[in-house]
Protein backbone atom coordinates (compact mmCIF):
# COMPACT_ATOMS: atom_id res chain seq x y z
CA UNK A 1 -11.05 0.86 -6.40
CA UNK A 2 -13.78 -1.63 -5.55
CA UNK A 3 -13.50 -3.01 -2.03
CA UNK A 4 -15.10 -6.42 -1.48
CA UNK A 5 -15.96 -6.07 2.21
CA UNK A 6 -19.70 -5.58 2.85
CA UNK A 7 -19.40 -3.16 5.76
CA UNK A 8 -23.14 -2.95 6.39
CA UNK A 9 -23.32 -6.72 6.78
CA UNK A 10 -20.36 -6.49 9.15
CA UNK A 11 -21.99 -3.78 11.24
CA UNK A 12 -25.20 -5.82 11.50
CA UNK A 13 -23.23 -8.30 13.65
CA UNK A 14 -22.61 -5.63 16.33
CA UNK A 15 -25.42 -4.47 18.62
CA UNK A 16 -23.11 -1.71 19.84
CA UNK A 17 -22.94 -0.20 16.34
CA UNK A 18 -26.71 0.15 15.96
CA UNK A 19 -26.60 3.76 17.12
CA UNK A 20 -25.72 7.04 15.43
CA UNK A 21 -22.33 7.67 17.06
CA UNK A 22 -19.11 7.07 15.14
CA UNK A 23 -16.74 4.80 17.05
CA UNK A 24 -13.31 5.99 15.91
CA UNK A 25 -11.74 4.92 19.21
CA UNK A 26 -10.67 1.42 18.10
CA UNK A 27 -6.94 2.02 18.82
CA UNK A 28 -7.89 1.88 22.50
CA UNK A 29 -10.13 -1.14 22.02
CA UNK A 30 -12.59 -2.28 19.36
CA UNK A 31 -16.29 -2.91 19.64
CA UNK A 32 -17.31 -6.55 20.09
CA UNK A 33 -19.61 -8.53 17.78
CA UNK A 34 -22.62 -10.22 19.31
CA UNK A 35 -21.22 -13.69 18.65
CA UNK A 36 -18.32 -12.96 21.03
CA UNK A 37 -20.71 -11.74 23.73
CA UNK A 38 -22.88 -14.81 23.22
CA UNK A 39 -19.87 -17.14 23.50
CA UNK A 40 -18.86 -15.62 26.84
CA UNK A 41 -22.39 -15.78 28.20
CA UNK A 42 -22.90 -19.27 26.79
CA UNK A 43 -19.85 -20.61 28.60
CA UNK A 44 -21.01 -19.13 31.90
CA UNK A 45 -24.50 -20.58 31.42
CA UNK A 46 -23.57 -24.08 30.29
CA UNK A 47 -19.94 -24.93 31.02
CA UNK A 48 -18.75 -22.88 33.99
CA UNK A 49 -16.33 -24.96 36.06
CA UNK A 50 -12.67 -25.25 36.92
CA UNK A 51 -10.48 -27.85 35.26
CA UNK A 52 -9.52 -31.23 36.63
CA UNK A 53 -12.93 -32.34 37.81
CA UNK A 54 -14.48 -35.73 37.02
CA UNK A 55 -17.71 -34.23 35.71
CA UNK A 56 -19.18 -32.78 32.52
CA UNK A 57 -18.72 -29.02 32.91
CA UNK A 58 -15.12 -29.45 34.02
CA UNK A 59 -14.41 -31.62 30.99
CA UNK A 60 -16.00 -28.96 28.77
CA UNK A 61 -13.70 -26.35 30.25
CA UNK A 62 -10.68 -28.51 29.54
CA UNK A 63 -11.85 -28.91 25.95
CA UNK A 64 -12.30 -25.14 25.69
CA UNK A 65 -8.71 -24.54 26.80
CA UNK A 66 -7.46 -26.96 24.15
CA UNK A 67 -9.60 -25.24 21.55
CA UNK A 68 -8.34 -21.82 22.62
CA UNK A 69 -4.71 -22.93 22.28
CA UNK A 70 -5.38 -24.36 18.82
CA UNK A 71 -7.16 -21.14 17.85
CA UNK A 72 -4.28 -19.01 19.15
CA UNK A 73 -1.83 -21.13 17.18
CA UNK A 74 -3.88 -20.61 14.03
CA UNK A 75 -4.16 -16.87 14.69
CA UNK A 76 -0.41 -16.43 15.26
CA UNK A 77 0.81 -19.19 12.91
CA UNK A 78 2.72 -21.12 15.54
CA UNK A 79 2.36 -24.33 17.56
CA UNK A 80 -0.36 -24.61 20.24
CA UNK A 81 2.18 -25.34 22.98
CA UNK A 82 3.96 -22.05 22.22
CA UNK A 83 0.92 -19.95 23.18
CA UNK A 84 0.14 -18.38 26.55
CA UNK A 85 -2.89 -16.54 27.92
CA UNK A 86 -3.05 -13.95 30.67
CA UNK A 87 -5.13 -11.03 32.00
CA UNK A 88 -3.55 -8.56 29.57
CA UNK A 89 -0.52 -8.00 27.38
CA UNK A 90 0.99 -5.80 30.09
CA UNK A 91 0.49 -8.46 32.76
CA UNK A 92 2.03 -11.12 30.52
CA UNK A 93 4.96 -8.87 29.68
CA UNK A 94 5.77 -8.16 33.31
CA UNK A 95 5.61 -11.90 34.04
CA UNK A 96 7.76 -12.91 31.07
CA UNK A 97 10.37 -10.19 31.58
CA UNK A 98 10.74 -11.27 35.21
CA UNK A 99 11.15 -14.86 34.08
CA UNK A 100 13.87 -13.83 31.62
CA UNK A 101 15.49 -11.69 34.33
CA UNK A 102 16.70 -14.85 36.07
CA UNK A 103 19.25 -15.05 33.22
CA UNK A 104 20.18 -11.36 33.04
CA UNK A 105 23.22 -9.85 34.73
CA UNK A 106 24.14 -6.27 35.67
CA UNK A 107 25.33 -4.44 32.57
CA UNK A 108 23.32 -6.56 30.13
CA UNK A 109 21.52 -4.30 27.67
CA UNK A 110 17.93 -4.17 26.43
CA UNK A 111 17.06 -1.95 23.47
CA UNK A 112 13.59 -0.42 23.41
CA UNK A 113 12.20 2.34 21.18
CA UNK A 114 10.76 5.80 21.73
CA UNK A 115 7.63 4.83 19.82
CA UNK A 116 6.73 1.86 22.02
CA UNK A 117 3.63 1.66 24.16
CA UNK A 118 4.84 1.84 27.74
CA UNK A 119 3.85 -1.80 28.27
CA UNK A 120 7.01 -2.70 26.34
CA UNK A 121 9.18 -0.09 28.09
CA UNK A 122 8.30 0.04 31.78
CA UNK A 123 8.88 -3.70 32.43
CA UNK A 124 12.45 -3.22 31.21
CA UNK A 125 12.96 0.03 33.14
CA UNK A 126 11.88 -1.76 36.31
CA UNK A 127 14.48 -4.46 35.62
CA UNK A 128 17.06 -1.71 35.18
CA UNK A 129 16.10 -0.60 38.68
CA UNK A 130 15.97 -4.10 40.18
CA UNK A 131 18.73 -5.96 38.33
CA UNK A 132 21.13 -3.29 37.10
CA UNK A 133 20.59 -3.95 33.40
CA UNK A 134 20.97 -1.06 30.94
CA UNK A 135 17.98 0.11 28.88
CA UNK A 136 18.90 1.85 25.63
CA UNK A 137 16.43 3.79 23.47
CA UNK A 138 16.23 3.72 19.68
CA UNK A 139 14.53 6.78 18.18
CA UNK A 140 10.82 6.81 17.32
CA UNK A 141 11.48 6.05 13.64
CA UNK A 142 14.03 3.33 14.53
CA UNK A 143 16.59 5.05 12.28
CA UNK A 144 19.36 4.49 14.81
CA UNK A 145 18.35 1.00 15.93
CA UNK A 146 21.48 -0.71 14.63
CA UNK A 147 23.66 1.87 16.41
CA UNK A 148 22.09 0.87 19.73
CA UNK A 149 23.11 -2.78 19.37
CA UNK A 150 26.28 -4.10 20.99
CA UNK A 151 27.80 -7.34 22.23
CA UNK A 152 25.97 -6.67 25.52
CA UNK A 153 22.52 -6.54 23.88
CA UNK A 154 20.31 -9.30 25.23
CA UNK A 155 16.88 -8.15 24.02
CA UNK A 156 15.51 -5.91 21.27
CA UNK A 157 11.95 -4.92 22.27
CA UNK A 158 9.90 -3.10 19.63
CA UNK A 159 6.36 -2.56 18.32
CA UNK A 160 5.12 -4.18 15.13
CA UNK A 161 2.87 -1.12 14.70
CA UNK A 162 2.64 2.08 16.73
CA UNK A 163 -0.52 2.61 18.74
CA UNK A 164 0.22 6.36 18.63
CA UNK A 165 1.40 7.34 15.15
CA UNK A 166 0.20 4.29 13.24
CA UNK A 167 3.70 3.54 11.91
CA UNK A 168 4.05 -0.05 10.64
CA UNK A 169 7.55 -1.51 10.99
CA UNK A 170 9.43 -4.24 9.14
CA UNK A 171 9.29 -6.71 11.99
CA UNK A 172 11.00 -9.48 9.99
CA UNK A 173 14.08 -7.32 9.45
CA UNK A 174 14.21 -6.12 13.06
CA UNK A 175 14.04 -9.72 14.29
CA UNK A 176 16.96 -10.52 11.96
CA UNK A 177 19.00 -7.63 13.39
CA UNK A 178 18.30 -8.77 16.93
CA UNK A 179 19.38 -12.32 16.20
CA UNK A 180 22.51 -11.17 14.37
CA UNK A 181 23.43 -9.33 17.59
CA UNK A 182 22.81 -12.48 19.62
CA UNK A 183 19.72 -10.97 21.24
CA UNK A 184 16.10 -11.98 21.65
CA UNK A 185 13.47 -10.28 19.46
CA UNK A 186 10.59 -9.19 21.72
CA UNK A 187 7.60 -7.92 19.74
CA UNK A 188 4.61 -5.89 20.88
CA UNK A 189 2.00 -6.85 18.27
CA UNK A 190 -0.99 -5.43 20.14
CA UNK A 191 -1.76 -2.70 17.65
CA UNK A 192 -0.74 -4.63 14.52
CA UNK A 193 -2.98 -7.59 15.32
CA UNK A 194 -6.08 -5.50 14.64
CA UNK A 195 -4.95 -4.65 11.12
CA UNK A 196 -2.93 -7.49 9.64
CA UNK A 197 -2.33 -11.20 9.85
CA UNK A 198 0.36 -12.19 12.36
CA UNK A 199 2.74 -14.82 11.00
CA UNK A 200 5.22 -15.92 13.64
CA UNK A 201 6.77 -18.50 11.32
CA UNK A 202 7.73 -15.80 8.83
CA UNK A 203 8.65 -13.11 11.38
CA UNK A 204 10.75 -15.37 13.62
CA UNK A 205 10.43 -13.50 16.94
CA UNK A 206 11.34 -15.06 20.26
CA UNK A 207 8.45 -13.47 22.14
CA UNK A 208 5.36 -11.79 20.66
CA UNK A 209 2.46 -10.36 22.61
CA UNK A 210 -1.00 -9.04 21.72
CA UNK A 211 -4.43 -8.38 23.26
CA UNK A 212 -7.78 -9.76 22.12
CA UNK A 213 -9.69 -6.58 22.95
CA UNK A 214 -7.89 -4.83 20.10
CA UNK A 215 -9.33 -7.28 17.52
CA UNK A 216 -12.99 -7.53 18.53
CA UNK A 217 -12.46 -9.86 21.47
CA UNK A 218 -12.55 -9.65 25.28
CA UNK A 219 -9.92 -8.15 27.58
CA UNK A 220 -7.42 -11.00 27.44
CA UNK A 221 -3.68 -11.15 26.78
CA UNK A 222 -2.08 -13.58 24.34
CA UNK A 223 1.60 -14.38 23.88
CA UNK A 224 3.80 -16.51 21.69
CA UNK A 225 7.07 -17.73 23.22
CA UNK A 226 9.56 -19.83 21.31
CA UNK A 227 9.44 -23.42 22.58
CA UNK A 228 13.16 -23.50 23.35
CA UNK A 229 12.69 -20.59 25.77
CA UNK A 230 9.59 -22.08 27.37
CA UNK A 231 11.52 -25.26 28.09
CA UNK A 232 14.57 -23.40 29.42
CA UNK A 233 13.00 -20.70 31.56
CA UNK A 234 11.66 -21.20 35.06
CA UNK A 235 8.33 -19.32 35.26
CA UNK A 236 6.72 -17.67 38.26
CA UNK A 237 3.54 -19.62 39.06
CA UNK A 238 1.84 -21.79 41.63
CA UNK A 239 3.17 -25.35 41.50
CA UNK A 240 -0.02 -27.15 40.38
CA UNK A 241 -0.69 -24.70 37.54
CA UNK A 242 0.22 -25.98 34.07
CA UNK A 243 2.72 -24.30 31.79
CA UNK A 244 3.26 -20.57 32.24
CA UNK A 245 -0.22 -19.53 33.35
CA UNK A 246 0.19 -18.46 36.98
CA UNK A 247 -3.12 -19.91 38.15
CA UNK A 248 -6.73 -20.39 37.07
CA UNK A 249 -7.38 -19.07 33.58
CA UNK A 250 -10.22 -16.74 32.49
CA UNK A 251 -12.24 -19.50 30.91
CA UNK A 252 -15.21 -17.42 29.78
CA UNK A 253 -12.83 -14.98 28.07
CA UNK A 254 -11.16 -17.87 26.26
CA UNK A 255 -14.59 -18.67 24.82
CA UNK A 256 -14.85 -15.06 23.69
CA UNK A 257 -11.37 -15.20 22.18
CA UNK A 258 -12.22 -18.28 20.13
CA UNK A 259 -15.36 -16.56 18.84
CA UNK A 260 -13.42 -13.36 18.02
CA UNK A 261 -10.90 -15.23 15.89
CA UNK A 262 -13.75 -17.08 14.20
CA UNK A 263 -15.38 -13.74 13.44
CA UNK A 264 -12.20 -12.36 11.85
CA UNK A 265 -11.71 -15.53 9.84
CA UNK A 266 -15.26 -15.26 8.53
CA UNK A 267 -14.34 -11.88 6.99
CA UNK A 268 -10.76 -12.54 5.91
CA UNK A 269 -7.71 -10.27 6.01
CA UNK A 270 -7.70 -10.04 2.22
CA UNK A 271 -11.00 -8.16 2.50
CA UNK A 272 -10.46 -6.25 5.75
CA UNK A 273 -6.98 -4.80 5.12
CA UNK A 274 -7.69 -3.18 1.71
CA UNK A 275 -10.95 -1.76 3.04
CA UNK A 276 -9.19 -0.20 6.04
CA UNK A 277 -6.54 1.20 3.73
CA UNK A 278 -9.27 2.86 1.65
CA UNK A 279 -10.63 4.55 4.79
CA UNK A 280 -7.14 5.76 5.68
CA UNK A 281 -6.60 7.18 2.21
CA UNK A 282 -9.95 8.94 2.37
CA UNK A 283 -8.97 10.59 5.65
CA UNK A 284 -5.53 11.66 4.43
CA UNK A 285 -6.88 12.99 1.14
CA UNK A 286 -9.42 15.17 2.95
CA UNK A 287 -7.28 16.42 5.82
CA UNK A 288 -7.79 20.21 6.18
CA UNK A 289 -4.91 22.69 6.38
CA UNK A 290 -5.58 23.52 10.03
CA UNK A 291 -4.60 19.97 11.09
CA UNK A 292 -1.03 18.84 11.85
CA UNK A 293 -0.53 15.10 11.29
CA UNK A 294 2.16 13.09 13.10
CA UNK A 295 3.56 9.93 11.55
CA UNK A 296 3.72 8.75 7.92
CA UNK A 297 1.91 11.15 5.55
CA UNK A 298 0.54 8.38 3.32
CA UNK A 299 -0.85 4.89 3.90
CA UNK A 300 2.50 3.39 2.91
CA UNK A 301 4.18 2.09 6.05
CA UNK A 302 1.27 2.70 8.37
CA UNK A 303 -2.06 1.40 9.66
CA UNK A 304 -5.17 3.64 9.69
CA UNK A 305 -4.45 5.12 13.12
CA UNK A 306 -3.83 8.86 13.08
CA UNK A 307 -2.41 11.24 15.68
CA UNK A 308 -2.98 14.91 14.93
CA UNK A 309 -3.62 18.33 16.42
CA UNK A 310 -5.81 21.21 15.30
CA UNK A 311 -4.36 24.71 15.17
CA UNK A 312 -5.29 26.81 18.18
CA UNK A 313 -7.05 23.96 20.02
CA UNK A 314 -5.84 21.61 22.73
CA UNK A 315 -6.18 17.86 22.10
CA UNK A 316 -8.69 17.59 24.93
CA UNK A 317 -10.76 20.44 23.52
CA UNK A 318 -10.87 18.80 20.10
CA UNK A 319 -11.76 15.38 21.52
CA UNK A 320 -14.49 16.89 23.68
CA UNK A 321 -15.89 18.86 20.73
CA UNK A 322 -16.00 15.71 18.60
CA UNK A 323 -17.44 13.62 21.41
CA UNK A 324 -20.26 16.10 21.93
CA UNK A 325 -21.10 15.61 18.25
CA UNK A 326 -21.13 11.84 18.44
CA UNK A 327 -17.62 11.19 17.12
CA UNK A 328 -15.57 9.19 19.61
CA UNK A 329 -11.79 9.72 19.52
CA UNK A 330 -8.96 9.80 22.07
CA UNK A 331 -6.56 12.44 23.26
CA UNK A 332 -3.38 12.45 25.36
CA UNK A 333 -0.41 10.09 25.06
CA UNK A 334 -2.32 6.73 25.06
CA UNK A 335 0.58 5.25 27.11
CA UNK A 336 3.02 6.09 24.28
CA UNK A 337 4.89 8.35 26.69
CA UNK A 338 8.26 8.52 24.98
CA UNK A 339 7.09 9.46 21.49
CA UNK A 340 5.04 12.36 22.82
CA UNK A 341 8.08 13.66 24.69
CA UNK A 342 10.21 13.16 21.59
CA UNK A 343 7.77 15.17 19.45
CA UNK A 344 7.49 17.92 22.06
CA UNK A 345 3.79 17.34 22.72
CA UNK A 346 3.25 17.71 26.49
CA UNK A 347 -0.53 17.44 26.06
CA UNK A 348 -0.26 14.66 23.50
CA UNK A 349 -2.44 14.62 20.41
CA UNK A 350 -5.89 13.67 19.18
CA UNK A 351 -6.09 10.08 17.95
CA UNK A 352 -8.65 8.67 15.53
CA UNK A 353 -8.49 5.13 14.22
CA UNK A 354 -10.42 3.23 11.57
CA UNK A 355 -11.06 -0.50 11.51
CA UNK A 356 -13.08 -2.73 9.22
CA UNK A 357 -16.47 -1.85 10.76
CA UNK A 358 -16.08 1.89 10.20
CA UNK A 359 -17.61 3.56 7.15
CA UNK A 360 -16.61 6.18 4.62
CA UNK A 361 -19.45 8.34 5.93
CA UNK A 362 -17.87 8.30 9.40
CA UNK A 363 -14.56 9.43 7.92
CA UNK A 364 -16.37 12.28 6.19
CA UNK A 365 -18.12 13.27 9.42
CA UNK A 366 -14.78 13.55 11.17
CA UNK A 367 -13.26 15.60 8.36
CA UNK A 368 -16.24 17.95 8.29
CA UNK A 369 -15.94 18.66 12.01
CA UNK A 370 -12.20 19.25 11.72
CA UNK A 371 -12.84 21.78 8.94
CA UNK A 372 -15.37 23.54 11.17
CA UNK A 373 -12.78 23.78 13.94
């Protein structure tokens, strides 16, 4: 199959990729194109100021915030006033769950999953401790999700895609199930946002969160919250701060976020997604017999993120071996604590992930080293 994406032209936009190492560590954070770096530096050089001032650089910062909201709305397919920014997805999730907690009562139930990143589990477990709510777990494949729902369910919190196993879920259907139960649909889209277009209008969640550093941007959290909830909830923030941001925003990172979305739009999901799928198929087709894969065995129902172990080797040993040979991967649980427990993997697994700037040659390098092991 011919893939339209010109990966060499893509890689030319990244100074960090002009070296011989293979960056297969994108599930923990992608590399950043030069235009994003330049946007951050450019803001600090020419527009650095707080908002509300009667002078040029302050006005520029206000314009940047408006641009960032419009860009976030375009990226998520929602309205600008339904977008929030924060230091990270985790930080935003703790803030939003505490805001919702004003409405929760002892015995109210929140359903999470055993495949979630802990950023969409621990905030709810802490509310179980603080407020007496009940946290229920659906299994890592969500096969028993409907069984976990009851008339006490107030929230269904789930990942759009797993940062551990790469599993891609039918978020539209899960949101429907949550709403049929009278609950909020609370979506962790951090991992999915690097691999597919996010369409809030079609998905119909109540809350959706992601992180720009997973899609070639800076370390910045982004959230969508349904307008009805934003108007109803009472957020935790300083009184002069607008909306739900607790205080001064990370203005230079907003500039980087705008540039990151512009970079993705310049490539197009119709080019990036099929190309990434081709890399995933290449990896799966060449996987040697000494490797145990966790998660979907084909590219159907998954993104090109792969957790695996090599016979007779610990995950750390494999990751160190690959790292010494210029192939950068992760090992451990990557904050997906529950799924590793569920699979009986106390040391976790090796994780390699492919995004649109990776090459077929890098896939082959990884496979060759795994065969050697």
